[in-house]
Structure formats: C-alpha cells, structure tokens
C-alpha cells in the first residue's frame, strides 16, 4: 500500500510545466513500478520496442529494492523534479 505522499507526488509529476529529461523520466518510471508492483518479472520487450525496452530495463535495474525504499526514493526524486521543472 503506497502512502498518500507518494500518490500526491505522482499526481504532481504528471502536471509539471516543463518535461524532465528522458533519463529522469525513466528513473521515475522504474521507481514507481518498483514501489507499486515490486520486482519486475515480466518478459523483456522485443528488439523493435525501444521505448518498452528502456522502461523495462529502468524497472529491472531496481530488482531487489524493497517497495518502501523505492517509494522513498520516488518521493525524493519527484520533489527534486517538481522544484526543477515547475
């Protein structure tokens, strides 16, 4: 179960006035998935699905990270991006 702060930050990140870099977005995605789902056990996307592969890898790189740690790191990163891009 994710915290209210996590949900608030996830909503705030959706409404940033400027778009974060691809690397920042991938980090956010990986942390979000790790915090909400846990370890990635989905099959790796095919070689022609580049966006899917990058997202899959960002999530898979966090394998073994606890959901609560991922949630804390997500909140930290989201707070930093909100300050940077709003």
C-alpha atoms as a PDB file:
ATOM      1  CA  UNK A   1       0.000   0.000   0.000  1.00  0.00           C
ATOM      2  CA  UNK A   2       1.544   3.286  -1.098  1.00  0.00           C
ATOM      3  CA  UNK A   3       1.391   6.399   1.048  1.00  0.00           C
ATOM      4  CA  UNK A   4      -0.699   9.495   0.405  1.00  0.00           C
ATOM      5  CA  UNK A   5       2.531  11.491  -0.053  1.00  0.00           C
ATOM      6  CA  UNK A   6       3.586   9.059  -2.810  1.00  0.00           C
ATOM      7  CA  UNK A   7       0.226   9.456  -4.566  1.00  0.00           C
ATOM      8  CA  UNK A   8       0.400  13.257  -4.248  1.00  0.00           C
ATOM      9  CA  UNK A   9       3.917  13.370  -5.740  1.00  0.00           C
ATOM     10  CA  UNK A  10       2.909  11.021  -8.584  1.00  0.00           C
ATOM     11  CA  UNK A  11      -0.005  13.353  -9.411  1.00  0.00           C
ATOM     12  CA  UNK A  12       2.186  16.472  -9.170  1.00  0.00           C
ATOM     13  CA  UNK A  13       4.803  14.995 -11.525  1.00  0.00           C
ATOM     14  CA  UNK A  14       2.064  14.490 -14.146  1.00  0.00           C
ATOM     15  CA  UNK A  15       1.421  18.241 -14.246  1.00  0.00           C
ATOM     16  CA  UNK A  16       4.960  19.626 -14.487  1.00  0.00           C
ATOM     17  CA  UNK A  17       5.162  22.744 -16.663  1.00  0.00           C
ATOM     18  CA  UNK A  18       8.378  21.534 -18.383  1.00  0.00           C
ATOM     19  CA  UNK A  19       9.228  17.977 -19.443  1.00  0.00           C
ATOM     20  CA  UNK A  20      12.036  16.263 -17.476  1.00  0.00           C
ATOM     21  CA  UNK A  21      14.851  14.545 -19.387  1.00  0.00           C
ATOM     22  CA  UNK A  22      14.351  11.006 -20.666  1.00  0.00           C
ATOM     23  CA  UNK A  23      16.773   9.702 -18.010  1.00  0.00           C
ATOM     24  CA  UNK A  24      14.820  11.418 -15.241  1.00  0.00           C
ATOM     25  CA  UNK A  25      11.541  10.062 -16.593  1.00  0.00           C
ATOM     26  CA  UNK A  26      12.975   6.527 -16.779  1.00  0.00           C
ATOM     27  CA  UNK A  27      14.185   6.744 -13.170  1.00  0.00           C
ATOM     28  CA  UNK A  28      10.738   7.922 -12.079  1.00  0.00           C
ATOM     29  CA  UNK A  29       9.072   5.120 -14.036  1.00  0.00           C
ATOM     30  CA  UNK A  30      11.324   2.427 -12.584  1.00  0.00           C
ATOM     31  CA  UNK A  31      10.865   3.666  -9.025  1.00  0.00           C
ATOM     32  CA  UNK A  32       7.097   3.963  -9.495  1.00  0.00           C
ATOM     33  CA  UNK A  33       6.796   0.404 -10.796  1.00  0.00           C
ATOM     34  CA  UNK A  34       9.085  -0.981  -8.076  1.00  0.00           C
ATOM     35  CA  UNK A  35       7.125   0.856  -5.368  1.00  0.00           C
ATOM     36  CA  UNK A  36       3.696  -0.180  -6.652  1.00  0.00           C
ATOM     37  CA  UNK A  37       4.324  -3.656  -8.125  1.00  0.00           C
ATOM     38  CA  UNK A  38       7.643  -4.905  -6.735  1.00  0.00           C
ATOM     39  CA  UNK A  39      10.315  -6.788  -8.676  1.00  0.00           C
ATOM     40  CA  UNK A  40       9.967  -6.930 -12.446  1.00  0.00           C
ATOM     41  CA  UNK A  41       9.082 -10.450 -13.555  1.00  0.00           C
ATOM     42  CA  UNK A  42       7.642  -9.525 -16.954  1.00  0.00           C
ATOM     43  CA  UNK A  43       9.298 -10.724 -20.166  1.00  0.00           C
ATOM     44  CA  UNK A  44      11.699  -8.277 -21.829  1.00  0.00           C
ATOM     45  CA  UNK A  45      10.087  -6.458 -24.787  1.00  0.00           C
ATOM     46  CA  UNK A  46      11.202  -7.283 -28.335  1.00  0.00           C
ATOM     47  CA  UNK A  47      14.134  -5.582 -30.015  1.00  0.00           C
ATOM     48  CA  UNK A  48      11.930  -3.220 -32.029  1.00  0.00           C
ATOM     49  CA  UNK A  49      10.137  -1.865 -28.953  1.00  0.00           C
ATOM     50  CA  UNK A  50      12.868   0.570 -27.908  1.00  0.00           C
ATOM     51  CA  UNK A  51      10.735   2.644 -25.536  1.00  0.00           C
ATOM     52  CA  UNK A  52       9.410  -0.527 -23.894  1.00  0.00           C
ATOM     53  CA  UNK A  53      12.927  -1.933 -23.513  1.00  0.00           C
ATOM     54  CA  UNK A  54      14.227   1.227 -21.828  1.00  0.00           C
ATOM     55  CA  UNK A  55      11.268   1.293 -19.438  1.00  0.00           C
ATOM     56  CA  UNK A  56      11.621  -2.438 -18.725  1.00  0.00           C
ATOM     57  CA  UNK A  57      15.354  -2.008 -18.028  1.00  0.00           C
ATOM     58  CA  UNK A  58      14.795   1.004 -15.734  1.00  0.00           C
ATOM     59  CA  UNK A  59      12.421  -1.125 -13.667  1.00  0.00           C
ATOM     60  CA  UNK A  60      14.512  -4.305 -13.830  1.00  0.00           C
ATOM     61  CA  UNK A  61      17.617  -2.417 -12.594  1.00  0.00           C
ATOM     62  CA  UNK A  62      15.789  -1.923  -9.274  1.00  0.00           C
ATOM     63  CA  UNK A  63      15.210  -5.649  -8.703  1.00  0.00           C
ATOM     64  CA  UNK A  64      15.752  -6.468  -5.038  1.00  0.00           C
ATOM     65  CA  UNK A  65      14.898  -2.942  -3.860  1.00  0.00           C
ATOM     66  CA  UNK A  66      12.113  -3.050  -1.282  1.00  0.00           C
ATOM     67  CA  UNK A  67       8.859  -1.373  -2.210  1.00  0.00           C
ATOM     68  CA  UNK A  68       9.164   1.048   0.721  1.00  0.00           C
ATOM     69  CA  UNK A  69      12.722   2.033  -0.313  1.00  0.00           C
ATOM     70  CA  UNK A  70      11.556   2.570  -3.889  1.00  0.00           C
ATOM     71  CA  UNK A  71       8.658   4.691  -2.613  1.00  0.00           C
ATOM     72  CA  UNK A  72      11.029   6.873  -0.547  1.00  0.00           C
ATOM     73  CA  UNK A  73      13.401   7.314  -3.497  1.00  0.00           C
ATOM     74  CA  UNK A  74      10.472   8.139  -5.791  1.00  0.00           C
ATOM     75  CA  UNK A  75       9.227  10.839  -3.399  1.00  0.00           C
ATOM     76  CA  UNK A  76      12.755  12.266  -3.148  1.00  0.00           C
ATOM     77  CA  UNK A  77      13.246  12.346  -6.951  1.00  0.00           C
ATOM     78  CA  UNK A  78       9.748  13.687  -7.609  1.00  0.00           C
ATOM     79  CA  UNK A  79      10.295  16.504  -5.086  1.00  0.00           C
ATOM     80  CA  UNK A  80      13.569  17.410  -6.817  1.00  0.00           C
ATOM     81  CA  UNK A  81      11.944  17.404 -10.291  1.00  0.00           C
ATOM     82  CA  UNK A  82       8.956  19.456  -9.101  1.00  0.00           C
ATOM     83  CA  UNK A  83      11.378  22.083  -7.811  1.00  0.00           C
ATOM     84  CA  UNK A  84      13.384  21.984 -11.041  1.00  0.00           C
ATOM     85  CA  UNK A  85      10.576  21.926 -13.637  1.00  0.00           C
ATOM     86  CA  UNK A  86       7.687  23.895 -12.134  1.00  0.00           C
END
